[in-house]
Amino acid sequence: MEIGILGSGTVGRTLGAAFTKLGHSVTIGSRDAAKPEALEWAAAHHAHATDFADAAEAGELLVNATSGTASLDVLLSVGAEALGDKVLIDVANPLDFSAGFPPFLSVSNRTSLAEQLQHAFPSLRVVKALNTINASVMVAPERIADGVHDIFMAGEDADAKTDVAGLLLSLGWHRDRIRDLGGIKAARGLEMYLPLWVRLMGTLGTAEFNIRIVQAGE
């Protein structure tokens, strides 16, 4: 599959490396097509590095790994024509560090970043996923509890969620631990988990953790 990743930071590069290992063709996009770190990464991983628009054009499936407070502007700069009706996995969180640490959410409660993206591009098939864990765990769930922990997704398009679930399975996530929370409004809860995640990271002293749903009788 041709995968276009918007954002060449740690998350974008980590996902891109995992996807190339799985045999996918990856194009990673930055604001500046000549960004040295992205070009070096691409050369090392047999991938392509370019700007946001060309990465969106190249991908059959897209990943939004940009900073959450900039995501909407990035997609608006790319434009609806390039985005089309592709699947977009939105892994970003609207974390605003303008007042220091810990960050606050720039949008929450009555909307979410994922909903803003879906509203701006009605044909784009947005699936919120992978935003509740650290990048290292996204691509190697076995690093925690032999992979027996939960990952969530939300979105309006059933076929898009099937495609995303397939990618998650290929990354090593257990089928019965991929939790489909329903429509895109469920992204509000996934994004609002992040303030708790940040506090847990400080308490635990590591970013490599996750949650596991345990039901009565288990």
Protein backbone atom coordinates (compact mmCIF):
# COMPACT_ATOMS: atom_id res chain seq x y z
CA MET A 1 0.00 0.00 0.00
CA GLU A 2 1.07 3.58 -0.64
CA ILE A 3 0.96 5.41 2.70
CA GLY A 4 1.33 9.17 3.01
CA ILE A 5 2.33 10.48 6.43
CA LEU A 6 1.78 14.15 7.21
CA GLY A 7 4.32 15.05 9.86
CA SER A 8 7.95 14.00 10.14
CA GLY A 9 8.41 14.21 13.89
CA THR A 10 8.96 11.23 16.18
CA VAL A 11 5.47 9.80 15.66
CA GLY A 12 5.54 10.12 11.89
CA ARG A 13 9.01 8.64 11.58
CA THR A 14 8.23 5.77 13.98
CA LEU A 15 5.07 4.81 12.13
CA GLY A 16 6.79 5.23 8.79
CA ALA A 17 9.63 2.91 9.76
CA ALA A 18 7.17 0.26 10.91
CA PHE A 19 5.12 0.54 7.72
CA THR A 20 8.18 0.20 5.49
CA LYS A 21 9.19 -2.94 7.38
CA LEU A 22 5.75 -4.33 6.61
CA GLY A 23 6.38 -3.75 2.91
CA HIS A 24 4.37 -0.57 2.40
CA SER A 25 5.66 2.33 0.32
CA VAL A 26 5.90 5.40 2.57
CA THR A 27 6.04 9.07 1.67
CA ILE A 28 6.57 11.38 4.63
CA GLY A 29 5.67 15.04 4.44
CA SER A 30 7.00 18.11 6.23
CA ARG A 31 6.24 21.81 5.95
CA ASP A 32 9.61 22.11 4.18
CA ALA A 33 10.28 19.45 1.55
CA ALA A 34 14.02 19.92 2.15
CA LYS A 35 13.87 19.28 5.91
CA PRO A 36 17.23 17.58 6.59
CA GLU A 37 15.97 15.18 9.29
CA ALA A 38 13.19 13.93 7.04
CA LEU A 39 15.50 13.47 4.06
CA GLU A 40 18.00 11.55 6.19
CA TRP A 41 15.24 9.36 7.63
CA ALA A 42 13.83 8.62 4.18
CA ALA A 43 17.23 7.64 2.82
CA ALA A 44 17.77 5.28 5.75
CA HIS A 45 14.34 3.63 5.42
CA HIS A 46 13.96 3.40 1.63
CA ALA A 47 11.09 5.91 1.81
CA HIS A 48 10.36 9.28 0.26
CA ALA A 49 10.43 12.72 1.90
CA THR A 50 8.61 15.72 0.51
CA ASP A 51 6.14 18.41 1.59
CA PHE A 52 2.67 17.91 3.03
CA ALA A 53 0.82 18.31 -0.25
CA ASP A 54 2.91 15.81 -2.19
CA ALA A 55 2.77 13.28 0.66
CA ALA A 56 -1.03 13.55 0.68
CA GLU A 57 -1.10 13.13 -3.10
CA ALA A 58 1.15 10.07 -2.95
CA GLY A 59 -0.73 8.12 -0.31
CA GLU A 60 -3.66 5.78 -0.86
CA LEU A 61 -4.06 5.93 2.91
CA LEU A 62 -2.95 8.93 4.97
CA VAL A 63 -1.75 9.46 8.53
CA ASN A 64 -2.05 12.78 10.32
CA ALA A 65 1.00 12.90 12.58
CA THR A 66 1.29 16.68 12.67
CA SER A 67 1.14 18.76 15.84
CA GLY A 68 -2.52 18.77 16.83
CA THR A 69 -2.77 22.54 17.12
CA ALA A 70 -1.55 22.86 13.52
CA SER A 71 -3.32 19.87 11.94
CA LEU A 72 -6.32 21.68 10.54
CA ASP A 73 -4.15 24.38 8.95
CA VAL A 74 -1.92 21.71 7.44
CA LEU A 75 -4.83 19.87 5.86
CA LEU A 76 -6.35 23.12 4.62
CA SER A 77 -3.04 23.93 2.94
CA VAL A 78 -3.07 20.51 1.27
CA GLY A 79 -6.62 21.00 0.02
CA ALA A 80 -9.68 18.85 -0.54
CA GLU A 81 -8.66 17.75 -4.03
CA ALA A 82 -5.49 16.03 -2.84
CA LEU A 83 -7.21 14.51 0.19
CA GLY A 84 -10.24 13.27 -1.73
CA ASP A 85 -12.08 10.39 -0.08
CA LYS A 86 -8.96 8.71 1.28
CA VAL A 87 -8.75 7.14 4.72
CA LEU A 88 -6.98 9.42 7.19
CA ILE A 89 -5.75 7.93 10.45
CA ASP A 90 -5.67 10.83 12.86
CA VAL A 91 -3.10 10.10 15.57
CA ALA A 92 -2.65 13.76 16.60
CA ASN A 93 -3.75 15.37 19.85
CA PRO A 94 -4.66 19.06 20.26
CA LEU A 95 -2.06 19.66 22.99
CA ASP A 96 -1.30 23.34 23.54
CA PHE A 97 2.01 24.04 25.27
CA SER A 98 1.73 27.83 25.06
CA ALA A 99 1.30 28.10 28.84
CA GLY A 100 4.04 25.59 29.57
CA PHE A 101 3.78 22.09 30.94
CA PRO A 102 1.47 20.28 31.40
CA PRO A 103 -0.31 21.25 28.19
CA PHE A 104 -4.02 21.94 27.87
CA LEU A 105 -6.35 20.88 25.06
CA SER A 106 -7.00 23.54 22.46
CA VAL A 107 -10.34 21.86 21.66
CA SER A 108 -12.38 19.54 23.87
CA ASN A 109 -15.73 18.47 25.24
CA ARG A 110 -18.14 19.71 22.53
CA THR A 111 -15.83 18.88 19.64
CA SER A 112 -12.48 17.29 18.91
CA LEU A 113 -9.63 17.68 16.48
CA ALA A 114 -10.81 14.63 14.56
CA GLU A 115 -14.29 16.12 14.22
CA GLN A 116 -12.86 19.41 13.01
CA LEU A 117 -10.93 17.58 10.31
CA GLN A 118 -13.96 15.55 9.30
CA HIS A 119 -16.16 18.66 9.18
CA ALA A 120 -13.64 20.56 7.06
CA PHE A 121 -13.30 17.66 4.60
CA PRO A 122 -16.60 15.75 4.43
CA SER A 123 -15.34 13.29 1.80
CA LEU A 124 -12.22 12.40 3.79
CA ARG A 125 -12.73 9.24 5.84
CA VAL A 126 -11.25 10.18 9.21
CA VAL A 127 -10.50 7.47 11.76
CA LYS A 128 -9.18 8.50 15.16
CA ALA A 129 -6.71 5.88 16.37
CA LEU A 130 -3.33 5.40 18.07
CA ASN A 131 -3.49 8.78 19.84
CA THR A 132 -3.69 7.31 23.35
CA ILE A 133 -0.23 5.72 23.45
CA ASN A 134 3.41 6.57 22.94
CA ALA A 135 4.89 6.11 19.46
CA SER A 136 7.08 3.20 20.55
CA VAL A 137 3.99 1.31 21.73
CA MET A 138 1.99 2.14 18.59
CA VAL A 139 4.29 -0.03 16.50
CA ALA A 140 5.26 -2.64 19.11
CA PRO A 141 2.35 -3.38 21.46
CA GLU A 142 4.20 -6.44 22.73
CA ARG A 143 6.48 -4.09 24.70
CA ILE A 144 3.71 -4.02 27.33
CA ALA A 145 1.98 -7.04 28.89
CA ASP A 146 2.69 -9.24 25.86
CA GLY A 147 0.48 -6.95 23.82
CA VAL A 148 -2.65 -7.69 25.84
CA HIS A 149 -3.93 -4.13 26.24
CA ASP A 150 -6.36 -1.90 24.41
CA ILE A 151 -6.30 0.38 21.41
CA PHE A 152 -9.28 2.45 20.31
CA MET A 153 -10.69 3.87 17.12
CA ALA A 154 -13.60 6.08 16.14
CA GLY A 155 -14.96 7.16 12.79
CA GLU A 156 -18.02 7.32 10.58
CA ASP A 157 -16.95 4.99 7.76
CA ALA A 158 -17.09 1.25 8.49
CA ASP A 159 -14.83 0.30 5.57
CA ALA A 160 -12.24 2.85 6.68
CA LYS A 161 -12.23 1.37 10.17
CA THR A 162 -11.81 -2.10 8.69
CA ASP A 163 -8.73 -0.85 6.81
CA VAL A 164 -7.32 0.74 9.96
CA ALA A 165 -7.98 -2.42 11.99
CA GLY A 166 -6.05 -4.38 9.39
CA LEU A 167 -3.05 -2.10 9.80
CA LEU A 168 -3.28 -2.39 13.58
CA LEU A 169 -3.31 -6.17 13.34
CA SER A 170 -0.22 -6.07 11.12
CA LEU A 171 1.53 -3.96 13.78
CA GLY A 172 0.85 -6.69 16.34
CA TRP A 173 -2.32 -5.51 18.07
CA HIS A 174 -4.67 -8.28 19.21
CA ARG A 175 -7.95 -8.37 17.33
CA ASP A 176 -10.07 -8.53 20.47
CA ARG A 177 -8.20 -5.54 21.92
CA ILE A 178 -9.03 -3.20 19.04
CA ARG A 179 -12.01 -1.32 20.46
CA ASP A 180 -14.31 0.37 17.96
CA LEU A 181 -16.04 3.15 19.90
CA GLY A 182 -18.40 4.13 17.10
CA GLY A 183 -18.74 7.45 15.29
CA ILE A 184 -16.30 10.32 15.11
CA LYS A 185 -17.79 12.04 18.18
CA ALA A 186 -16.12 9.33 20.26
CA ALA A 187 -12.83 11.03 19.40
CA ARG A 188 -13.67 13.60 22.07
CA GLY A 189 -13.09 11.04 24.80
CA LEU A 190 -9.95 9.69 23.15
CA GLU A 191 -8.42 13.15 22.98
CA MET A 192 -9.58 14.19 26.46
CA TYR A 193 -7.76 11.16 27.88
CA LEU A 194 -4.47 12.90 27.10
CA PRO A 195 -4.35 15.17 30.19
CA LEU A 196 -4.63 12.01 32.31
CA TRP A 197 -2.03 10.27 30.13
CA VAL A 198 0.41 13.13 30.72
CA ARG A 199 -0.08 12.91 34.50
CA LEU A 200 0.33 9.14 34.44
CA MET A 201 3.57 9.48 32.48
CA GLY A 202 4.91 11.76 35.23
CA THR A 203 3.79 9.43 38.01
CA LEU A 204 5.05 6.25 36.34
CA GLY A 205 8.28 7.80 35.09
CA THR A 206 7.84 6.32 31.62
CA ALA A 207 5.81 6.86 28.47
CA GLU A 208 5.60 3.13 27.77
CA PHE A 209 2.31 2.21 29.37
CA ASN A 210 -1.28 1.68 28.33
CA ILE A 211 -4.66 0.73 29.70
CA ARG A 212 -6.49 -2.60 29.57
CA ILE A 213 -10.26 -2.92 29.84
CA VAL A 214 -11.29 -5.57 32.37
CA GLN A 215 -14.93 -6.59 32.54
CA ALA A 216 -16.79 -8.30 35.36
CA GLY A 217 -16.17 -12.01 35.35
CA GLU A 218 -12.76 -11.81 33.69
